[in-house]
Amino acid sequence: MDFKQWKDAPAIRTVTCKHTDAEKYLVSNVLTPGKEYEVKNETDEFIFVTDNTGKVGGFYKTYFE
């Protein structure tokens, strides 16, 4: 699937954010611990979810359950 279609595509599944304690990047502005997010795509290292801004963003899997 083309990345331009992810926003309108149905969710693969939902995941829950478990923390926003990032060592290098600031993710607390776009993720909320305890909130469920719709997964649009997934790789070995990243999960692409619709974040709090309404856009699809890629985050490390360590932030989610």
C-alpha atoms as a PDB file:
ATOM      1  CA  MET A   1       0.000   0.000   0.000  1.00  0.00           C
ATOM      2  CA  ASP A   2       1.254   3.464  -0.882  1.00  0.00           C
ATOM      3  CA  PHE A   3       2.041   5.646   2.137  1.00  0.00           C
ATOM      4  CA  LYS A   4      -0.155   8.413   0.711  1.00  0.00           C
ATOM      5  CA  GLN A   5      -3.223   6.196   1.253  1.00  0.00           C
ATOM      6  CA  TRP A   6      -2.523   5.281   4.892  1.00  0.00           C
ATOM      7  CA  LYS A   7      -4.618   8.091   6.382  1.00  0.00           C
ATOM      8  CA  ASP A   8      -7.804   6.927   4.635  1.00  0.00           C
ATOM      9  CA  ALA A   9      -7.099   3.186   4.889  1.00  0.00           C
ATOM     10  CA  PRO A  10      -8.882   1.054   7.512  1.00  0.00           C
ATOM     11  CA  ALA A  11      -6.909   0.263  10.644  1.00  0.00           C
ATOM     12  CA  ILE A  12      -5.017  -3.019  10.808  1.00  0.00           C
ATOM     13  CA  ARG A  13      -5.469  -3.189  14.596  1.00  0.00           C
ATOM     14  CA  THR A  14      -5.282  -0.940  17.643  1.00  0.00           C
ATOM     15  CA  VAL A  15      -2.435  -0.549  20.114  1.00  0.00           C
ATOM     16  CA  THR A  16      -2.167   1.184  23.481  1.00  0.00           C
ATOM     17  CA  CYS A  17       0.610   3.668  24.217  1.00  0.00           C
ATOM     18  CA  LYS A  18       2.435   2.571  27.360  1.00  0.00           C
ATOM     19  CA  HIS A  19       4.888   5.497  27.770  1.00  0.00           C
ATOM     20  CA  THR A  20       6.361   8.579  26.110  1.00  0.00           C
ATOM     21  CA  ASP A  21       9.771   8.476  27.793  1.00  0.00           C
ATOM     22  CA  ALA A  22      11.981   8.977  24.746  1.00  0.00           C
ATOM     23  CA  GLU A  23      15.743   9.250  24.996  1.00  0.00           C
ATOM     24  CA  LYS A  24      16.300  11.125  21.748  1.00  0.00           C
ATOM     25  CA  TYR A  25      12.997  12.412  20.363  1.00  0.00           C
ATOM     26  CA  LEU A  26      10.077  14.373  21.843  1.00  0.00           C
ATOM     27  CA  VAL A  27       6.972  12.218  21.454  1.00  0.00           C
ATOM     28  CA  SER A  28       4.894  13.474  24.385  1.00  0.00           C
ATOM     29  CA  ASN A  29       3.382  16.158  22.110  1.00  0.00           C
ATOM     30  CA  VAL A  30       1.775  13.591  19.793  1.00  0.00           C
ATOM     31  CA  LEU A  31       1.216  10.480  21.970  1.00  0.00           C
ATOM     32  CA  THR A  32      -0.693  10.094  25.235  1.00  0.00           C
ATOM     33  CA  PRO A  33       0.084   7.176  27.599  1.00  0.00           C
ATOM     34  CA  GLY A  34      -2.924   4.897  28.042  1.00  0.00           C
ATOM     35  CA  LYS A  35      -4.655   6.023  24.849  1.00  0.00           C
ATOM     36  CA  GLU A  36      -5.448   3.580  22.028  1.00  0.00           C
ATOM     37  CA  TYR A  37      -4.228   4.326  18.511  1.00  0.00           C
ATOM     38  CA  GLU A  38      -5.163   2.836  15.135  1.00  0.00           C
ATOM     39  CA  VAL A  39      -2.303   1.055  13.373  1.00  0.00           C
ATOM     40  CA  LYS A  40      -2.124   1.927   9.681  1.00  0.00           C
ATOM     41  CA  ASN A  41       1.094   0.043   8.822  1.00  0.00           C
ATOM     42  CA  GLU A  42       3.855  -1.842  10.603  1.00  0.00           C
ATOM     43  CA  THR A  43       7.491  -2.787   9.978  1.00  0.00           C
ATOM     44  CA  ASP A  44      10.028  -4.731  12.027  1.00  0.00           C
ATOM     45  CA  GLU A  45      11.054  -1.656  14.005  1.00  0.00           C
ATOM     46  CA  PHE A  46       8.249   0.898  13.608  1.00  0.00           C
ATOM     47  CA  ILE A  47       4.478   1.191  13.976  1.00  0.00           C
ATOM     48  CA  PHE A  48       2.677   3.822  11.918  1.00  0.00           C
ATOM     49  CA  VAL A  49      -0.355   5.158  13.800  1.00  0.00           C
ATOM     50  CA  THR A  50      -2.755   8.073  13.567  1.00  0.00           C
ATOM     51  CA  ASP A  51      -1.404  10.271  16.371  1.00  0.00           C
ATOM     52  CA  ASN A  52      -3.001  13.106  18.383  1.00  0.00           C
ATOM     53  CA  THR A  53      -2.467  15.591  15.524  1.00  0.00           C
ATOM     54  CA  GLY A  54      -4.626  13.502  13.184  1.00  0.00           C
ATOM     55  CA  LYS A  55      -1.690  12.628  10.935  1.00  0.00           C
ATOM     56  CA  VAL A  56      -0.012   9.263  10.431  1.00  0.00           C
ATOM     57  CA  GLY A  57       3.348   9.108  12.183  1.00  0.00           C
ATOM     58  CA  GLY A  58       5.948   6.388  12.611  1.00  0.00           C
ATOM     59  CA  PHE A  59       7.069   5.481  16.126  1.00  0.00           C
ATOM     60  CA  TYR A  60       9.281   2.807  17.669  1.00  0.00           C
ATOM     61  CA  LYS A  61       7.385  -0.271  18.805  1.00  0.00           C
ATOM     62  CA  THR A  62       8.711   0.189  22.349  1.00  0.00           C
ATOM     63  CA  TYR A  63       6.122   2.922  22.989  1.00  0.00           C
ATOM     64  CA  PHE A  64       3.183   0.539  22.501  1.00  0.00           C
ATOM     65  CA  GLU A  65       1.703  -2.645  23.956  1.00  0.00           C
END
